Amino acid sequence: MQTIELSSKSGKTVARIAPEIGFNLFSIVVGDTELLWSAPNFPEGGSSPSGSGTPILFPFPGRLNGRSFCFAGNDYHVASDDGLGNAIHGFVLNRPWRIVSKAADAVTAEFHASQDAPEIMEQWPSDFLIRCSYTAVDDGVLAEYDIQNPGNVDLPCGFGTHAYFRVPIGTGSADASMVTCPVSEQWILKDMLATGEVSELTDDDLQTSGVAFGRLIMDDVFSGIKFKDGRATATITNPSTNSKLIYTWDEACEICVIYTPPHREAICMEPYTLVPGGLAFETGEHGLMVLKSKEAFTHKMEIRLEQ
């Protein structure tokens, strides 16, 4: 399969993207340090599209409550399954995207449902177009996502990314790596779906001093994100080298899923606009976003290495 390689202007950062697998940013090397985890055979299409790199999740991140939902009086059935009877992670993470523009340090691609996968139109209330741009900079990668409703009817949607950050960052102990994420609330889940109940976190180590990766076994949904100047910042620090991955995103995503894969070689911090199972909730602070015809929204995130 095709792989696109970007290089920052100084050549210090090299990023690799798989456009035929959801335009997945699956490698960021700054100097000699890899920041992302992906399966060795991922670029060839030999592993799960949701299990490596930075999957893009749209028009819903996480799970639906089942494989069907009702919107505006109509029922829709989604052709995916998480093994528990729930549709999962939307339509765009495992399909080819079209390249719109390409430079040595930047690339933009898009996915337009009615053009690129017409079968989706039977599974979702409206057409949609999602465009993503990656730019390699000296200390990492910048990403910008633009989502539009090109149709004539309302588009219910949620957006998220699912980056697999390598632990440790560089050499050393994965278990000793320190993780921070600026969250203060946790959603109560049942069968991996939000119940609507939220509890305050009584231990603030995750958002202050950090928690050792060795203590974390998680697949949990958080909110109450602390934004500063419109940005949330999560970190992974290697105490043996003082290398620090800095992950920031904007206020479009007020939910963050934290997941530790069983292989223990990565941690996922996943900003979402919509809680898993959120199509069951009313539109609101933690619920469903509905774009009117020709409406759009954008989201920006950055992955950087501080040494």
Protein backbone atom coordinates (compact mmCIF):
# COMPACT_ATOMS: atom_id res chain seq x y z
CA MET A 1 0.00 0.00 0.00
CA GLN A 2 1.04 3.60 -0.57
CA THR A 3 2.88 5.41 2.21
CA ILE A 4 3.40 9.18 2.26
CA GLU A 5 6.50 10.51 4.00
CA LEU A 6 6.79 14.07 5.27
CA SER A 7 9.96 15.78 6.44
CA SER A 8 10.17 19.01 8.44
CA LYS A 9 12.13 21.85 6.86
CA SER A 10 15.22 21.01 8.95
CA GLY A 11 14.83 17.28 8.36
CA LYS A 12 14.66 16.61 12.11
CA THR A 13 11.10 15.20 11.99
CA VAL A 14 9.94 12.48 9.61
CA ALA A 15 6.25 11.48 9.57
CA ARG A 16 4.58 8.65 7.67
CA ILE A 17 0.92 8.41 6.65
CA ALA A 18 -1.14 5.58 5.12
CA PRO A 19 -3.75 7.29 2.88
CA GLU A 20 -5.40 4.01 1.90
CA ILE A 21 -5.98 3.10 5.57
CA GLY A 22 -8.01 6.07 6.76
CA PHE A 23 -5.22 8.62 6.14
CA ASN A 24 -3.62 7.24 9.28
CA LEU A 25 -0.61 9.09 10.69
CA PHE A 26 1.25 6.01 11.94
CA SER A 27 4.80 7.20 12.56
CA ILE A 28 6.44 10.37 13.89
CA VAL A 29 10.21 10.21 14.34
CA VAL A 30 11.85 13.29 15.90
CA GLY A 31 15.61 12.90 15.71
CA ASP A 32 15.91 9.20 16.47
CA THR A 33 12.84 8.96 18.73
CA GLU A 34 9.61 7.34 17.53
CA LEU A 35 6.51 8.86 19.19
CA LEU A 36 3.76 6.58 17.84
CA TRP A 37 3.19 2.84 18.08
CA SER A 38 1.96 0.76 15.16
CA ALA A 39 1.98 -2.94 14.35
CA PRO A 40 4.94 -3.93 12.15
CA ASN A 41 2.67 -4.96 9.28
CA PHE A 42 0.28 -2.01 9.56
CA PRO A 43 1.43 -0.09 6.43
CA GLU A 44 0.76 -3.20 4.33
CA GLY A 45 -2.78 -3.49 5.65
CA GLY A 46 -1.96 -6.55 7.74
CA SER A 47 -3.42 -5.41 11.07
CA SER A 48 -6.51 -3.73 12.50
CA PRO A 49 -7.06 -0.16 11.20
CA SER A 50 -8.13 0.87 14.70
CA GLY A 51 -5.10 -0.62 16.47
CA SER A 52 -2.14 1.44 15.22
CA GLY A 53 -0.96 4.98 14.63
CA THR A 54 -3.63 7.67 14.74
CA PRO A 55 -7.01 6.39 13.51
CA ILE A 56 -9.54 9.10 12.62
CA LEU A 57 -13.00 8.36 14.03
CA PHE A 58 -16.03 9.83 12.24
CA PRO A 59 -19.04 10.28 12.12
CA PHE A 60 -18.98 8.69 15.57
CA PRO A 61 -16.04 7.91 17.87
CA GLY A 62 -16.24 4.88 20.14
CA ARG A 63 -19.33 2.72 20.09
CA LEU A 64 -22.94 3.14 19.19
CA ASN A 65 -25.46 1.66 21.58
CA GLY A 66 -26.02 -1.37 19.36
CA ARG A 67 -25.78 -1.30 15.58
CA SER A 68 -28.87 0.79 14.91
CA PHE A 69 -30.07 4.25 15.88
CA CYS A 70 -33.00 6.54 15.22
CA PHE A 71 -32.60 10.14 14.07
CA ALA A 72 -35.35 12.54 12.95
CA GLY A 73 -37.83 9.68 12.96
CA ASN A 74 -35.78 7.40 10.70
CA ASP A 75 -33.90 4.22 11.61
CA TYR A 76 -30.35 3.57 10.44
CA HIS A 77 -28.32 0.36 10.59
CA VAL A 78 -24.52 0.49 10.67
CA ALA A 79 -22.48 -2.36 9.17
CA SER A 80 -19.75 -2.74 11.80
CA ASP A 81 -19.46 -4.72 15.03
CA ASP A 82 -17.13 -4.57 18.03
CA GLY A 83 -17.79 -8.21 18.91
CA LEU A 84 -20.32 -7.12 21.54
CA GLY A 85 -23.07 -6.18 19.11
CA ASN A 86 -22.15 -2.48 18.86
CA ALA A 87 -21.06 -0.53 15.79
CA ILE A 88 -17.71 1.15 16.46
CA HIS A 89 -15.50 4.05 15.34
CA GLY A 90 -17.36 5.30 12.29
CA PHE A 91 -16.67 4.85 8.59
CA VAL A 92 -13.44 6.64 7.68
CA LEU A 93 -10.63 4.86 9.56
CA ASN A 94 -10.39 1.86 7.23
CA ARG A 95 -11.20 3.39 3.83
CA PRO A 96 -8.96 5.14 1.27
CA TRP A 97 -8.79 8.93 1.36
CA ARG A 98 -8.05 11.16 -1.65
CA ILE A 99 -4.94 13.37 -1.60
CA VAL A 100 -5.84 17.03 -2.16
CA SER A 101 -2.38 18.62 -1.91
CA LYS A 102 1.15 17.50 -1.08
CA ALA A 103 4.40 19.28 -0.21
CA ALA A 104 7.64 18.03 1.32
CA ASP A 105 6.49 18.90 4.85
CA ALA A 106 2.68 18.83 4.55
CA VAL A 107 -0.17 16.84 3.05
CA THR A 108 -3.95 17.24 2.90
CA ALA A 109 -6.52 14.57 2.07
CA GLU A 110 -10.28 14.26 2.22
CA PHE A 111 -13.06 11.71 2.42
CA HIS A 112 -16.46 12.57 0.95
CA ALA A 113 -19.02 9.92 1.82
CA SER A 114 -21.26 10.12 -1.25
CA GLN A 115 -18.26 10.10 -3.61
CA ASP A 116 -15.81 7.79 -1.86
CA ALA A 117 -18.14 5.19 -0.31
CA PRO A 118 -21.73 5.60 -1.57
CA GLU A 119 -22.87 2.59 0.49
CA ILE A 120 -22.47 4.75 3.60
CA MET A 121 -25.41 6.87 2.49
CA GLU A 122 -27.83 4.12 3.51
CA GLN A 123 -26.24 3.89 6.95
CA TRP A 124 -26.17 7.56 7.99
CA PRO A 125 -28.71 10.42 7.81
CA SER A 126 -26.59 12.82 5.74
CA ASP A 127 -23.67 13.07 3.40
CA PHE A 128 -20.42 14.34 4.97
CA LEU A 129 -16.98 15.55 3.99
CA ILE A 130 -13.96 15.36 6.27
CA ARG A 131 -10.62 16.91 5.36
CA CYS A 132 -7.36 16.45 7.29
CA SER A 133 -3.98 18.19 6.97
CA TYR A 134 -0.71 17.04 8.56
CA THR A 135 2.35 19.29 8.79
CA ALA A 136 5.78 18.10 9.96
CA VAL A 137 7.60 20.64 12.16
CA ASP A 138 10.98 20.42 13.86
CA ASP A 139 9.63 18.86 17.06
CA GLY A 140 6.61 16.89 15.82
CA VAL A 141 3.43 17.10 13.76
CA LEU A 142 0.49 19.50 13.58
CA ALA A 143 -2.91 18.20 12.48
CA GLU A 144 -6.04 20.07 11.43
CA TYR A 145 -9.44 18.51 10.71
CA ASP A 146 -12.26 20.23 8.84
CA ILE A 147 -15.70 18.58 8.82
CA GLN A 148 -18.53 19.77 6.59
CA ASN A 149 -22.15 18.89 5.93
CA PRO A 150 -22.46 19.18 2.14
CA GLY A 151 -25.95 17.66 2.17
CA ASN A 152 -29.39 19.16 2.43
CA VAL A 153 -30.44 17.50 5.70
CA ASP A 154 -29.05 17.60 9.23
CA LEU A 155 -25.84 15.68 9.94
CA PRO A 156 -25.65 14.06 13.41
CA CYS A 157 -22.02 13.39 14.21
CA GLY A 158 -19.15 13.03 16.63
CA PHE A 159 -15.43 13.19 15.93
CA GLY A 160 -12.36 11.75 17.61
CA THR A 161 -8.78 10.61 17.13
CA HIS A 162 -7.22 7.50 18.67
CA ALA A 163 -3.44 8.02 18.79
CA TYR A 164 -1.25 5.18 20.09
CA PHE A 165 1.64 6.88 21.91
CA ARG A 166 4.70 4.71 22.41
CA VAL A 167 5.87 3.99 25.97
CA PRO A 168 8.52 4.66 26.88
CA ILE A 169 9.33 7.71 24.77
CA GLY A 170 12.80 6.62 23.70
CA THR A 171 14.68 4.06 25.79
CA GLY A 172 14.03 3.04 29.38
CA SER A 173 11.17 1.62 31.41
CA ALA A 174 7.62 1.76 30.10
CA ASP A 175 6.21 1.21 33.61
CA ALA A 176 8.15 4.19 34.98
CA SER A 177 6.85 6.56 32.31
CA MET A 178 4.73 9.32 33.84
CA VAL A 179 1.39 10.20 32.23
CA THR A 180 -0.67 13.35 32.72
CA CYS A 181 -4.05 14.25 31.22
CA PRO A 182 -6.08 17.32 32.29
CA VAL A 183 -9.34 15.55 33.20
CA SER A 184 -11.43 15.93 36.35
CA GLU A 185 -14.55 13.77 35.72
CA GLN A 186 -15.14 10.14 34.76
CA TRP A 187 -18.16 8.76 32.94
CA ILE A 188 -19.72 5.63 34.38
CA LEU A 189 -19.82 2.92 31.72
CA LYS A 190 -21.89 -0.22 31.31
CA ASP A 191 -20.74 -2.69 28.67
CA MET A 192 -18.32 0.01 27.40
CA LEU A 193 -21.15 2.51 26.83
CA ALA A 194 -21.81 5.72 28.75
CA THR A 195 -24.74 5.53 31.16
CA GLY A 196 -25.08 9.31 31.41
CA GLU A 197 -23.75 9.31 34.98
CA VAL A 198 -20.56 11.28 35.67
CA SER A 199 -18.45 11.26 38.83
CA GLU A 200 -15.73 13.65 39.98
CA LEU A 201 -12.21 12.27 40.24
CA THR A 202 -11.03 12.35 43.85
CA ASP A 203 -7.37 11.76 42.95
CA ASP A 204 -5.90 14.63 40.91
CA ASP A 205 -2.52 13.00 40.19
CA LEU A 206 -3.46 12.38 36.56
CA GLN A 207 -3.87 16.10 35.90
CA THR A 208 -1.06 17.33 38.16
CA SER A 209 2.02 15.28 39.09
CA GLY A 210 1.18 12.37 36.78
CA VAL A 211 0.63 8.63 37.20
CA ALA A 212 3.18 5.94 36.39
CA PHE A 213 2.18 3.95 33.31
CA GLY A 214 2.78 0.74 35.28
CA ARG A 215 -0.22 1.64 37.46
CA LEU A 216 -2.60 2.22 34.56
CA ILE A 217 -4.95 -0.38 33.14
CA MET A 218 -7.66 1.65 31.47
CA ASP A 219 -10.39 1.83 28.86
CA ASP A 220 -12.27 4.74 30.40
CA VAL A 221 -14.08 7.93 29.41
CA PHE A 222 -13.25 11.27 31.01
CA SER A 223 -14.47 14.86 30.83
CA GLY A 224 -14.09 18.03 32.89
CA ILE A 225 -11.04 18.82 30.77
CA LYS A 226 -8.96 21.80 31.87
CA PHE A 227 -8.24 24.08 28.92
CA LYS A 228 -5.68 26.89 29.12
CA ASP A 229 -5.81 29.53 26.39
CA GLY A 230 -8.15 27.23 24.51
CA ARG A 231 -5.82 24.22 24.59
CA ALA A 232 -5.72 20.99 26.62
CA THR A 233 -2.31 19.44 27.25
CA ALA A 234 -1.48 15.82 28.06
CA THR A 235 2.06 14.50 28.51
CA ILE A 236 4.12 11.32 28.65
CA THR A 237 7.51 11.76 30.33
CA ASN A 238 10.46 9.37 30.34
CA PRO A 239 12.15 9.98 33.72
CA SER A 240 15.38 8.29 32.65
CA THR A 241 15.98 10.69 29.74
CA ASN A 242 13.64 13.62 30.60
CA SER A 243 12.13 13.32 27.13
CA LYS A 244 8.51 14.43 27.12
CA LEU A 245 5.76 13.92 24.58
CA ILE A 246 3.40 16.88 24.62
CA TYR A 247 -0.07 16.32 23.17
CA THR A 248 -2.43 19.28 22.82
CA TRP A 249 -5.90 19.77 21.36
CA ASP A 250 -8.54 22.49 21.21
CA GLU A 251 -11.92 22.95 22.85
CA ALA A 252 -13.84 21.18 20.09
CA CYS A 253 -13.12 17.94 22.00
CA GLU A 254 -14.37 18.02 25.59
CA ILE A 255 -14.19 14.25 26.11
CA CYS A 256 -11.04 12.14 26.41
CA VAL A 257 -10.88 8.35 26.37
CA ILE A 258 -7.76 6.81 27.92
CA TYR A 259 -6.92 3.27 26.84
CA THR A 260 -3.97 1.01 27.61
CA PRO A 261 -3.70 -1.77 25.00
CA PRO A 262 -3.01 -5.28 26.33
CA HIS A 263 0.42 -5.36 24.66
CA ARG A 264 1.54 -2.58 27.08
CA GLU A 265 3.70 -0.88 24.46
CA ALA A 266 1.48 2.18 24.08
CA ILE A 267 -1.12 4.37 25.71
CA CYS A 268 -4.01 6.02 23.86
CA MET A 269 -5.33 9.43 24.87
CA GLU A 270 -8.28 10.07 22.58
CA PRO A 271 -10.00 13.47 22.40
CA TYR A 272 -13.65 13.07 21.35
CA THR A 273 -16.52 15.46 20.77
CA LEU A 274 -19.02 12.74 21.71
CA VAL A 275 -19.08 10.15 24.49
CA PRO A 276 -19.27 6.47 23.44
CA GLY A 277 -22.95 5.68 23.08
CA GLY A 278 -23.61 9.43 22.83
CA LEU A 279 -26.19 9.09 20.09
CA ALA A 280 -28.52 8.01 22.88
CA PHE A 281 -28.19 11.46 24.53
CA GLU A 282 -29.70 14.81 23.64
CA THR A 283 -27.53 17.35 21.86
CA GLY A 284 -25.55 19.21 24.50
CA GLU A 285 -22.27 19.60 26.34
CA HIS A 286 -21.33 15.92 26.20
CA GLY A 287 -23.77 14.77 23.56
CA LEU A 288 -24.50 14.75 19.90
CA MET A 289 -23.41 17.48 17.50
CA VAL A 290 -25.82 18.24 14.66
CA LEU A 291 -24.53 20.19 11.66
CA LYS A 292 -27.14 21.93 9.55
CA SER A 293 -26.82 21.91 5.76
CA LYS A 294 -23.52 23.59 4.72
CA GLU A 295 -22.36 23.99 8.34
CA ALA A 296 -18.82 22.97 9.34
CA PHE A 297 -16.46 22.75 12.29
CA THR A 298 -12.69 22.41 12.72
CA HIS A 299 -10.38 20.75 15.21
CA LYS A 300 -6.63 21.10 15.72
CA MET A 301 -4.20 18.92 17.62
CA GLU A 302 -0.40 18.78 18.00
CA ILE A 303 2.03 16.00 18.89
CA ARG A 304 5.45 17.34 19.92
CA LEU A 305 8.62 16.05 21.58
CA GLU A 306 10.41 18.08 24.23
CA GLN A 307 13.98 16.99 24.99
